[in-house]
């Protein structure tokens, strides 16, 4: 798998963040503390990876940003989320979409009874009846996902997992977002499809200037395409840095890539070496 072709420059690193979370605490059902003071930044035009195991709080972090927490009885009890300098964590999801932020949910969530093209058109609701703009956006989606053009009349429920993931990302693009929150795009997909989808994400970032916050368990793939990364464990950010530096970090190699100075680790060794994490 090839890494991103355009590495961030010093100017990119110094760019002001388009999105910021500051010391955010999230509680579900007024009882369960899930996020414990999470702070992160997404620079404009950047790709940032949010990494961690299942249950670390990655999806909750994205739902906090996209204002979907309340649909699952979650509340932000401390901290704030700002987008382009304005606080947004108290907005409704559709208000946030109109400001240019949209989430592609884990598990794709296509409308199975609709065709691929009908699914894409549902993402254009904010354009009203502007048919010319909708047609332009549809062609742009087909440019990045030519497979969807071939399957545009097929019911989405009968397409492959990779095609459904492409449909979900394409549907998000129909709203002309400036920031996309991608939740586990590689989940359940063959490695070849994962590479194809991540390469398209890289192109969208490079050619359209879309800022991307990517939540992913596949640390190896995510760090090849991201510019910066945060590692989340038990609701806390435990490590962050440039993606290239994280790939070479011995702790990240050992605990997330299964590698150490002695070579590849066996799964049976996990419980032994997890106890030696230097950040716990």
C-alpha atoms as a PDB file:
ATOM      1  CA  UNK A   1       0.000   0.000   0.000  1.00  0.00           C
ATOM      2  CA  UNK A   2       1.332   3.410  -0.942  1.00  0.00           C
ATOM      3  CA  UNK A   3       1.453   6.291   1.471  1.00  0.00           C
ATOM      4  CA  UNK A   4       0.031   9.716   0.754  1.00  0.00           C
ATOM      5  CA  UNK A   5       1.938  11.379  -2.064  1.00  0.00           C
ATOM      6  CA  UNK A   6       1.790  14.893  -0.640  1.00  0.00           C
ATOM      7  CA  UNK A   7       3.257  15.304   2.816  1.00  0.00           C
ATOM      8  CA  UNK A   8       2.192  18.341   4.850  1.00  0.00           C
ATOM      9  CA  UNK A   9       4.485  21.327   4.655  1.00  0.00           C
ATOM     10  CA  UNK A  10       5.633  23.561   7.489  1.00  0.00           C
ATOM     11  CA  UNK A  11       2.930  26.026   6.433  1.00  0.00           C
ATOM     12  CA  UNK A  12       0.310  23.269   6.750  1.00  0.00           C
ATOM     13  CA  UNK A  13       1.490  22.479  10.267  1.00  0.00           C
ATOM     14  CA  UNK A  14       1.225  26.144  11.232  1.00  0.00           C
ATOM     15  CA  UNK A  15      -2.237  26.547   9.675  1.00  0.00           C
ATOM     16  CA  UNK A  16      -4.945  27.541  12.156  1.00  0.00           C
ATOM     17  CA  UNK A  17      -7.283  24.693  13.049  1.00  0.00           C
ATOM     18  CA  UNK A  18     -10.617  24.563  11.278  1.00  0.00           C
ATOM     19  CA  UNK A  19     -11.952  22.319  14.064  1.00  0.00           C
ATOM     20  CA  UNK A  20     -11.022  22.112  17.746  1.00  0.00           C
ATOM     21  CA  UNK A  21     -12.128  20.062  20.738  1.00  0.00           C
ATOM     22  CA  UNK A  22     -11.104  21.482  24.091  1.00  0.00           C
ATOM     23  CA  UNK A  23     -11.148  19.368  27.253  1.00  0.00           C
ATOM     24  CA  UNK A  24     -14.397  17.633  26.289  1.00  0.00           C
ATOM     25  CA  UNK A  25     -16.126  15.319  28.738  1.00  0.00           C
ATOM     26  CA  UNK A  26     -19.048  13.149  27.583  1.00  0.00           C
ATOM     27  CA  UNK A  27     -21.488  11.177  29.716  1.00  0.00           C
ATOM     28  CA  UNK A  28     -24.125   8.703  28.484  1.00  0.00           C
ATOM     29  CA  UNK A  29     -27.427   8.255  30.335  1.00  0.00           C
ATOM     30  CA  UNK A  30     -26.214  10.731  32.994  1.00  0.00           C
ATOM     31  CA  UNK A  31     -24.047   7.926  34.416  1.00  0.00           C
ATOM     32  CA  UNK A  32     -21.417   6.486  32.056  1.00  0.00           C
ATOM     33  CA  UNK A  33     -18.335   8.672  31.598  1.00  0.00           C
ATOM     34  CA  UNK A  34     -16.946   7.948  28.120  1.00  0.00           C
ATOM     35  CA  UNK A  35     -14.713  10.874  27.147  1.00  0.00           C
ATOM     36  CA  UNK A  36     -12.444  12.254  29.867  1.00  0.00           C
ATOM     37  CA  UNK A  37     -11.058  15.618  28.839  1.00  0.00           C
ATOM     38  CA  UNK A  38     -10.382  15.033  25.129  1.00  0.00           C
ATOM     39  CA  UNK A  39      -8.642  17.834  23.241  1.00  0.00           C
ATOM     40  CA  UNK A  40      -7.643  17.720  19.576  1.00  0.00           C
ATOM     41  CA  UNK A  41      -7.299  19.933  16.525  1.00  0.00           C
ATOM     42  CA  UNK A  42      -7.903  19.465  12.812  1.00  0.00           C
ATOM     43  CA  UNK A  43      -5.952  21.945  10.649  1.00  0.00           C
ATOM     44  CA  UNK A  44      -7.689  23.273   7.570  1.00  0.00           C
ATOM     45  CA  UNK A  45      -6.846  21.066   4.596  1.00  0.00           C
ATOM     46  CA  UNK A  46      -5.327  18.352   6.793  1.00  0.00           C
ATOM     47  CA  UNK A  47      -5.965  14.667   7.417  1.00  0.00           C
ATOM     48  CA  UNK A  48      -5.915  13.730  11.099  1.00  0.00           C
ATOM     49  CA  UNK A  49      -6.228  10.147  12.333  1.00  0.00           C
ATOM     50  CA  UNK A  50      -7.938   9.280  15.603  1.00  0.00           C
ATOM     51  CA  UNK A  51      -6.601   5.865  16.565  1.00  0.00           C
ATOM     52  CA  UNK A  52      -7.408   3.335  19.233  1.00  0.00           C
ATOM     53  CA  UNK A  53      -8.927  -0.036  19.971  1.00  0.00           C
ATOM     54  CA  UNK A  54     -12.613  -0.859  19.853  1.00  0.00           C
ATOM     55  CA  UNK A  55     -14.357   0.906  22.745  1.00  0.00           C
ATOM     56  CA  UNK A  56     -11.665   3.581  23.197  1.00  0.00           C
ATOM     57  CA  UNK A  57     -14.130   6.388  22.447  1.00  0.00           C
ATOM     58  CA  UNK A  58     -13.386   7.152  18.787  1.00  0.00           C
ATOM     59  CA  UNK A  59     -16.995   7.032  17.563  1.00  0.00           C
ATOM     60  CA  UNK A  60     -18.177   9.039  20.569  1.00  0.00           C
ATOM     61  CA  UNK A  61     -15.587  11.703  19.721  1.00  0.00           C
ATOM     62  CA  UNK A  62     -16.906  12.002  16.165  1.00  0.00           C
ATOM     63  CA  UNK A  63     -20.534  12.040  17.321  1.00  0.00           C
ATOM     64  CA  UNK A  64     -19.665  14.782  19.777  1.00  0.00           C
ATOM     65  CA  UNK A  65     -18.344  16.894  16.908  1.00  0.00           C
ATOM     66  CA  UNK A  66     -21.269  16.089  14.562  1.00  0.00           C
ATOM     67  CA  UNK A  67     -23.866  16.797  17.287  1.00  0.00           C
ATOM     68  CA  UNK A  68     -25.308  13.269  17.143  1.00  0.00           C
ATOM     69  CA  UNK A  69     -24.736  12.509  20.834  1.00  0.00           C
ATOM     70  CA  UNK A  70     -28.216  13.454  21.932  1.00  0.00           C
ATOM     71  CA  UNK A  71     -29.730  10.767  19.702  1.00  0.00           C
ATOM     72  CA  UNK A  72     -27.965   8.216  21.940  1.00  0.00           C
ATOM     73  CA  UNK A  73     -28.670   9.906  25.297  1.00  0.00           C
ATOM     74  CA  UNK A  74     -25.213  11.418  25.449  1.00  0.00           C
ATOM     75  CA  UNK A  75     -24.288  14.871  26.756  1.00  0.00           C
ATOM     76  CA  UNK A  76     -21.243  17.119  26.670  1.00  0.00           C
ATOM     77  CA  UNK A  77     -20.796  17.984  30.337  1.00  0.00           C
ATOM     78  CA  UNK A  78     -17.498  19.839  30.075  1.00  0.00           C
ATOM     79  CA  UNK A  79     -15.429  21.531  27.397  1.00  0.00           C
ATOM     80  CA  UNK A  80     -16.410  22.743  23.938  1.00  0.00           C
ATOM     81  CA  UNK A  81     -16.188  22.069  20.206  1.00  0.00           C
ATOM     82  CA  UNK A  82     -15.443  24.974  17.880  1.00  0.00           C
ATOM     83  CA  UNK A  83     -15.578  25.133  14.092  1.00  0.00           C
ATOM     84  CA  UNK A  84     -14.055  28.107  12.281  1.00  0.00           C
ATOM     85  CA  UNK A  85     -13.803  29.861  15.629  1.00  0.00           C
ATOM     86  CA  UNK A  86     -17.466  29.414  16.621  1.00  0.00           C
ATOM     87  CA  UNK A  87     -18.797  27.009  19.230  1.00  0.00           C
ATOM     88  CA  UNK A  88     -20.926  24.313  17.553  1.00  0.00           C
ATOM     89  CA  UNK A  89     -21.513  21.510  20.068  1.00  0.00           C
ATOM     90  CA  UNK A  90     -25.012  22.805  20.877  1.00  0.00           C
ATOM     91  CA  UNK A  91     -26.181  22.928  17.256  1.00  0.00           C
ATOM     92  CA  UNK A  92     -28.468  20.387  15.617  1.00  0.00           C
ATOM     93  CA  UNK A  93     -26.849  17.944  13.148  1.00  0.00           C
ATOM     94  CA  UNK A  94     -28.513  19.542  10.122  1.00  0.00           C
ATOM     95  CA  UNK A  95     -27.318  23.006  11.187  1.00  0.00           C
ATOM     96  CA  UNK A  96     -23.776  21.670  11.365  1.00  0.00           C
ATOM     97  CA  UNK A  97     -24.068  20.083   7.901  1.00  0.00           C
ATOM     98  CA  UNK A  98     -25.097  23.470   6.520  1.00  0.00           C
ATOM     99  CA  UNK A  99     -21.898  24.899   8.031  1.00  0.00           C
ATOM    100  CA  UNK A 100     -19.842  22.332   6.138  1.00  0.00           C
ATOM    101  CA  UNK A 101     -19.273  19.451   8.587  1.00  0.00           C
ATOM    102  CA  UNK A 102     -20.669  15.983   7.887  1.00  0.00           C
ATOM    103  CA  UNK A 103     -20.049  12.531   9.351  1.00  0.00           C
ATOM    104  CA  UNK A 104     -19.838   9.242   7.464  1.00  0.00           C
ATOM    105  CA  UNK A 105     -21.076   6.786  10.035  1.00  0.00           C
ATOM    106  CA  UNK A 106     -19.462   3.490  10.979  1.00  0.00           C
ATOM    107  CA  UNK A 107     -21.178   0.636   9.156  1.00  0.00           C
ATOM    108  CA  UNK A 108     -22.061   2.785   6.102  1.00  0.00           C
ATOM    109  CA  UNK A 109     -25.850   3.000   6.785  1.00  0.00           C
ATOM    110  CA  UNK A 110     -27.011   3.212   3.177  1.00  0.00           C
ATOM    111  CA  UNK A 111     -30.722   3.124   2.375  1.00  0.00           C
ATOM    112  CA  UNK A 112     -30.883  -0.460   1.147  1.00  0.00           C
ATOM    113  CA  UNK A 113     -34.181  -0.116  -0.724  1.00  0.00           C
ATOM    114  CA  UNK A 114     -32.993   2.903  -2.730  1.00  0.00           C
ATOM    115  CA  UNK A 115     -30.679   2.805  -5.719  1.00  0.00           C
ATOM    116  CA  UNK A 116     -27.101   3.972  -5.439  1.00  0.00           C
ATOM    117  CA  UNK A 117     -27.952   7.228  -7.205  1.00  0.00           C
ATOM    118  CA  UNK A 118     -31.000   7.832  -5.020  1.00  0.00           C
ATOM    119  CA  UNK A 119     -28.776   7.370  -1.972  1.00  0.00           C
ATOM    120  CA  UNK A 120     -26.382   9.974  -3.331  1.00  0.00           C
ATOM    121  CA  UNK A 121     -29.210  12.415  -3.998  1.00  0.00           C
ATOM    122  CA  UNK A 122     -30.340  12.237  -0.372  1.00  0.00           C
ATOM    123  CA  UNK A 123     -27.077  13.995   0.509  1.00  0.00           C
ATOM    124  CA  UNK A 124     -28.037  17.005  -1.616  1.00  0.00           C
ATOM    125  CA  UNK A 125     -31.005  18.096   0.501  1.00  0.00           C
ATOM    126  CA  UNK A 126     -29.322  21.329   1.575  1.00  0.00           C
ATOM    127  CA  UNK A 127     -29.241  22.505  -2.076  1.00  0.00           C
ATOM    128  CA  UNK A 128     -33.035  22.565  -2.335  1.00  0.00           C
ATOM    129  CA  UNK A 129     -34.192  22.414  -5.972  1.00  0.00           C
ATOM    130  CA  UNK A 130     -30.960  23.666  -7.516  1.00  0.00           C
ATOM    131  CA  UNK A 131     -30.856  20.967 -10.167  1.00  0.00           C
ATOM    132  CA  UNK A 132     -27.785  22.314 -11.931  1.00  0.00           C
ATOM    133  CA  UNK A 133     -25.725  22.264  -8.752  1.00  0.00           C
ATOM    134  CA  UNK A 134     -26.986  18.797  -7.821  1.00  0.00           C
ATOM    135  CA  UNK A 135     -26.091  17.480 -11.294  1.00  0.00           C
ATOM    136  CA  UNK A 136     -22.584  18.973 -11.004  1.00  0.00           C
ATOM    137  CA  UNK A 137     -22.066  17.398  -7.601  1.00  0.00           C
ATOM    138  CA  UNK A 138     -23.322  14.045  -8.855  1.00  0.00           C
ATOM    139  CA  UNK A 139     -20.807  14.093 -11.692  1.00  0.00           C
ATOM    140  CA  UNK A 140     -18.044  14.979  -9.245  1.00  0.00           C
ATOM    141  CA  UNK A 141     -18.949  11.961  -7.105  1.00  0.00           C
ATOM    142  CA  UNK A 142     -18.918   9.723 -10.189  1.00  0.00           C
ATOM    143  CA  UNK A 143     -15.527  11.175 -11.139  1.00  0.00           C
ATOM    144  CA  UNK A 144     -14.044  10.013  -7.830  1.00  0.00           C
ATOM    145  CA  UNK A 145     -16.079   6.807  -7.658  1.00  0.00           C
ATOM    146  CA  UNK A 146     -16.501   5.534 -11.241  1.00  0.00           C
ATOM    147  CA  UNK A 147     -17.741   2.216  -9.897  1.00  0.00           C
ATOM    148  CA  UNK A 148     -20.794   3.972  -8.483  1.00  0.00           C
ATOM    149  CA  UNK A 149     -21.691   5.297 -11.929  1.00  0.00           C
ATOM    150  CA  UNK A 150     -21.708   1.730 -13.196  1.00  0.00           C
ATOM    151  CA  UNK A 151     -23.956   0.654 -10.309  1.00  0.00           C
ATOM    152  CA  UNK A 152     -26.096   3.797 -10.091  1.00  0.00           C
ATOM    153  CA  UNK A 153     -29.376   1.981 -10.853  1.00  0.00           C
ATOM    154  CA  UNK A 154     -28.678  -0.960  -8.511  1.00  0.00           C
ATOM    155  CA  UNK A 155     -30.352  -1.166  -5.123  1.00  0.00           C
ATOM    156  CA  UNK A 156     -27.748  -0.180  -2.546  1.00  0.00           C
ATOM    157  CA  UNK A 157     -28.680  -3.132  -0.322  1.00  0.00           C
ATOM    158  CA  UNK A 158     -27.484  -5.522  -3.028  1.00  0.00           C
ATOM    159  CA  UNK A 159     -24.107  -3.885  -3.632  1.00  0.00           C
ATOM    160  CA  UNK A 160     -20.834  -4.965  -2.039  1.00  0.00           C
ATOM    161  CA  UNK A 161     -19.489  -3.589   1.240  1.00  0.00           C
ATOM    162  CA  UNK A 162     -16.907  -1.547  -0.624  1.00  0.00           C
ATOM    163  CA  UNK A 163     -19.526  -0.064  -2.942  1.00  0.00           C
ATOM    164  CA  UNK A 164     -21.722   0.800   0.031  1.00  0.00           C
ATOM    165  CA  UNK A 165     -18.775   2.563   1.690  1.00  0.00           C
ATOM    166  CA  UNK A 166     -18.176   4.513  -1.518  1.00  0.00           C
ATOM    167  CA  UNK A 167     -21.878   5.382  -1.615  1.00  0.00           C
ATOM    168  CA  UNK A 168     -21.766   6.656   1.965  1.00  0.00           C
ATOM    169  CA  UNK A 169     -18.736   8.869   1.254  1.00  0.00           C
ATOM    170  CA  UNK A 170     -20.255  10.026  -2.043  1.00  0.00           C
ATOM    171  CA  UNK A 171     -23.511  10.897  -0.279  1.00  0.00           C
ATOM    172  CA  UNK A 172     -21.524  13.068   2.143  1.00  0.00           C
ATOM    173  CA  UNK A 173     -19.781  14.813  -0.772  1.00  0.00           C
ATOM    174  CA  UNK A 174     -23.151  15.806  -2.222  1.00  0.00           C
ATOM    175  CA  UNK A 175     -23.531  18.356   0.587  1.00  0.00           C
ATOM    176  CA  UNK A 176     -20.282  20.073  -0.495  1.00  0.00           C
ATOM    177  CA  UNK A 177     -18.603  19.676   2.911  1.00  0.00           C
ATOM    178  CA  UNK A 178     -15.427  21.436   3.974  1.00  0.00           C
ATOM    179  CA  UNK A 179     -14.842  18.874   6.740  1.00  0.00           C
ATOM    180  CA  UNK A 180     -15.642  15.139   6.706  1.00  0.00           C
ATOM    181  CA  UNK A 181     -15.649  12.926   9.792  1.00  0.00           C
ATOM    182  CA  UNK A 182     -14.919   9.346   8.674  1.00  0.00           C
ATOM    183  CA  UNK A 183     -15.742   6.581  11.151  1.00  0.00           C
ATOM    184  CA  UNK A 184     -13.979   3.234  10.532  1.00  0.00           C
ATOM    185  CA  UNK A 185     -14.015   3.332   6.695  1.00  0.00           C
ATOM    186  CA  UNK A 186     -11.951   0.130   6.475  1.00  0.00           C
ATOM    187  CA  UNK A 187     -14.260  -1.966   8.650  1.00  0.00           C
ATOM    188  CA  UNK A 188     -15.215  -5.257   7.035  1.00  0.00           C
ATOM    189  CA  UNK A 189     -13.473  -4.545   3.734  1.00  0.00           C
ATOM    190  CA  UNK A 190     -10.816  -6.513   1.854  1.00  0.00           C
ATOM    191  CA  UNK A 191      -7.315  -4.945   1.930  1.00  0.00           C
ATOM    192  CA  UNK A 192      -7.458  -4.048  -1.774  1.00  0.00           C
ATOM    193  CA  UNK A 193     -10.718  -2.132  -1.287  1.00  0.00           C
ATOM    194  CA  UNK A 194      -9.316  -0.419   1.810  1.00  0.00           C
ATOM    195  CA  UNK A 195      -6.386   0.852  -0.248  1.00  0.00           C
ATOM    196  CA  UNK A 196      -8.709   2.050  -3.013  1.00  0.00           C
ATOM    197  CA  UNK A 197     -10.971   3.963  -0.628  1.00  0.00           C
ATOM    198  CA  UNK A 198      -8.106   5.545   1.303  1.00  0.00           C
ATOM    199  CA  UNK A 199      -6.484   6.636  -1.943  1.00  0.00           C
ATOM    200  CA  UNK A 200      -9.731   8.347  -2.976  1.00  0.00           C
ATOM    201  CA  UNK A 201      -9.870  10.050   0.431  1.00  0.00           C
ATOM    202  CA  UNK A 202      -6.319  11.290  -0.130  1.00  0.00           C
ATOM    203  CA  UNK A 203      -7.302  12.667  -3.548  1.00  0.00           C
ATOM    204  CA  UNK A 204     -10.333  14.445  -2.117  1.00  0.00           C
ATOM    205  CA  UNK A 205      -8.084  16.079   0.454  1.00  0.00           C
ATOM    206  CA  UNK A 206      -5.415  17.080  -2.071  1.00  0.00           C
ATOM    207  CA  UNK A 207      -7.687  18.154  -4.936  1.00  0.00           C
ATOM    208  CA  UNK A 208     -10.765  19.523  -3.156  1.00  0.00           C
ATOM    209  CA  UNK A 209      -9.108  20.786   0.036  1.00  0.00           C
ATOM    210  CA  UNK A 210     -11.519  18.843   2.250  1.00  0.00           C
ATOM    211  CA  UNK A 211     -10.319  18.543   5.858  1.00  0.00           C
ATOM    212  CA  UNK A 212     -10.699  14.993   7.171  1.00  0.00           C
ATOM    213  CA  UNK A 213     -10.855  13.601  10.701  1.00  0.00           C
ATOM    214  CA  UNK A 214     -10.515   9.839  10.450  1.00  0.00           C
ATOM    215  CA  UNK A 215     -11.382   7.410  13.249  1.00  0.00           C
ATOM    216  CA  UNK A 216      -9.743   4.071  12.518  1.00  0.00           C
ATOM    217  CA  UNK A 217      -8.647   0.855  14.215  1.00  0.00           C
ATOM    218  CA  UNK A 218      -6.328   0.000  11.333  1.00  0.00           C
ATOM    219  CA  UNK A 219      -3.411   2.042  12.652  1.00  0.00           C
ATOM    220  CA  UNK A 220      -0.978   0.953   9.960  1.00  0.00           C
ATOM    221  CA  UNK A 221      -3.172   2.137   7.087  1.00  0.00           C
ATOM    222  CA  UNK A 222      -4.362   5.320   8.783  1.00  0.00           C
ATOM    223  CA  UNK A 223      -0.840   6.530   9.581  1.00  0.00           C
ATOM    224  CA  UNK A 224       0.220   6.034   5.966  1.00  0.00           C
ATOM    225  CA  UNK A 225      -2.393   8.496   4.718  1.00  0.00           C
ATOM    226  CA  UNK A 226      -2.804  10.925   7.635  1.00  0.00           C
ATOM    227  CA  UNK A 227      -0.664  13.972   8.376  1.00  0.00           C
ATOM    228  CA  UNK A 228      -1.147  13.878  12.146  1.00  0.00           C
ATOM    229  CA  UNK A 229      -2.485  11.364  14.640  1.00  0.00           C
ATOM    230  CA  UNK A 230      -4.013  11.064  18.100  1.00  0.00           C
ATOM    231  CA  UNK A 231      -4.172   7.815  20.073  1.00  0.00           C
ATOM    232  CA  UNK A 232      -7.220   7.404  22.271  1.00  0.00           C
ATOM    233  CA  UNK A 233      -7.464   4.924  25.147  1.00  0.00           C
ATOM    234  CA  UNK A 234     -10.272   4.610  27.668  1.00  0.00           C
ATOM    235  CA  UNK A 235     -11.642   8.014  26.728  1.00  0.00           C
ATOM    236  CA  UNK A 236      -8.321   9.888  26.971  1.00  0.00           C
ATOM    237  CA  UNK A 237      -5.752  11.093  24.443  1.00  0.00           C
ATOM    238  CA  UNK A 238      -2.586   9.285  25.489  1.00  0.00           C
ATOM    239  CA  UNK A 239      -0.270  10.163  22.589  1.00  0.00           C
ATOM    240  CA  UNK A 240      -0.239  12.457  19.565  1.00  0.00           C
ATOM    241  CA  UNK A 241       2.201  13.625  16.928  1.00  0.00           C
ATOM    242  CA  UNK A 242       3.053  13.769  13.245  1.00  0.00           C
ATOM    243  CA  UNK A 243       1.974  10.589  11.483  1.00  0.00           C
ATOM    244  CA  UNK A 244       5.506   9.782  10.328  1.00  0.00           C
ATOM    245  CA  UNK A 245       6.805  10.111  13.894  1.00  0.00           C
ATOM    246  CA  UNK A 246       4.024   7.929  15.297  1.00  0.00           C
ATOM    247  CA  UNK A 247       4.829   5.209  12.755  1.00  0.00           C
ATOM    248  CA  UNK A 248       8.382   5.112  14.113  1.00  0.00           C
ATOM    249  CA  UNK A 249       7.409   5.365  17.780  1.00  0.00           C
ATOM    250  CA  UNK A 250       8.436   2.162  19.563  1.00  0.00           C
ATOM    251  CA  UNK A 251       5.333   2.132  21.778  1.00  0.00           C
ATOM    252  CA  UNK A 252       3.019   2.538  18.781  1.00  0.00           C
ATOM    253  CA  UNK A 253       4.885  -0.175  16.894  1.00  0.00           C
ATOM    254  CA  UNK A 254       4.601  -2.553  19.812  1.00  0.00           C
ATOM    255  CA  UNK A 255       1.102  -1.878  21.058  1.00  0.00           C
ATOM    256  CA  UNK A 256      -0.723  -1.054  17.796  1.00  0.00           C
ATOM    257  CA  UNK A 257       1.299  -2.507  14.937  1.00  0.00           C
ATOM    258  CA  UNK A 258       2.361  -5.723  16.692  1.00  0.00           C
ATOM    259  CA  UNK A 259       6.053  -4.991  16.163  1.00  0.00           C
ATOM    260  CA  UNK A 260       8.943  -4.482  18.558  1.00  0.00           C
ATOM    261  CA  UNK A 261      12.717  -4.264  18.447  1.00  0.00           C
ATOM    262  CA  UNK A 262      12.750  -8.070  18.523  1.00  0.00           C
ATOM    263  CA  UNK A 263      10.339  -8.359  15.591  1.00  0.00           C
ATOM    264  CA  UNK A 264       6.651  -9.167  15.237  1.00  0.00           C
ATOM    265  CA  UNK A 265       4.750  -9.949  18.421  1.00  0.00           C
ATOM    266  CA  UNK A 266       2.498 -12.947  18.909  1.00  0.00           C
ATOM    267  CA  UNK A 267      -1.083 -12.345  20.033  1.00  0.00           C
ATOM    268  CA  UNK A 268      -0.452 -14.523  23.096  1.00  0.00           C
ATOM    269  CA  UNK A 269       2.091 -11.943  24.275  1.00  0.00           C
ATOM    270  CA  UNK A 270      -0.411  -9.056  24.233  1.00  0.00           C
ATOM    271  CA  UNK A 271      -1.498  -9.228  27.879  1.00  0.00           C
ATOM    272  CA  UNK A 272       2.128  -9.365  28.959  1.00  0.00           C
ATOM    273  CA  UNK A 273       3.369  -6.335  27.077  1.00  0.00           C
ATOM    274  CA  UNK A 274       0.222  -4.210  27.476  1.00  0.00           C
ATOM    275  CA  UNK A 275       1.117  -3.921  31.162  1.00  0.00           C
ATOM    276  CA  UNK A 276       4.335  -2.149  30.173  1.00  0.00           C
ATOM    277  CA  UNK A 277       2.782   0.770  28.332  1.00  0.00           C
ATOM    278  CA  UNK A 278       4.792   3.776  29.372  1.00  0.00           C
ATOM    279  CA  UNK A 279       1.874   6.161  29.059  1.00  0.00           C
ATOM    280  CA  UNK A 280      -0.381   4.295  31.517  1.00  0.00           C
END
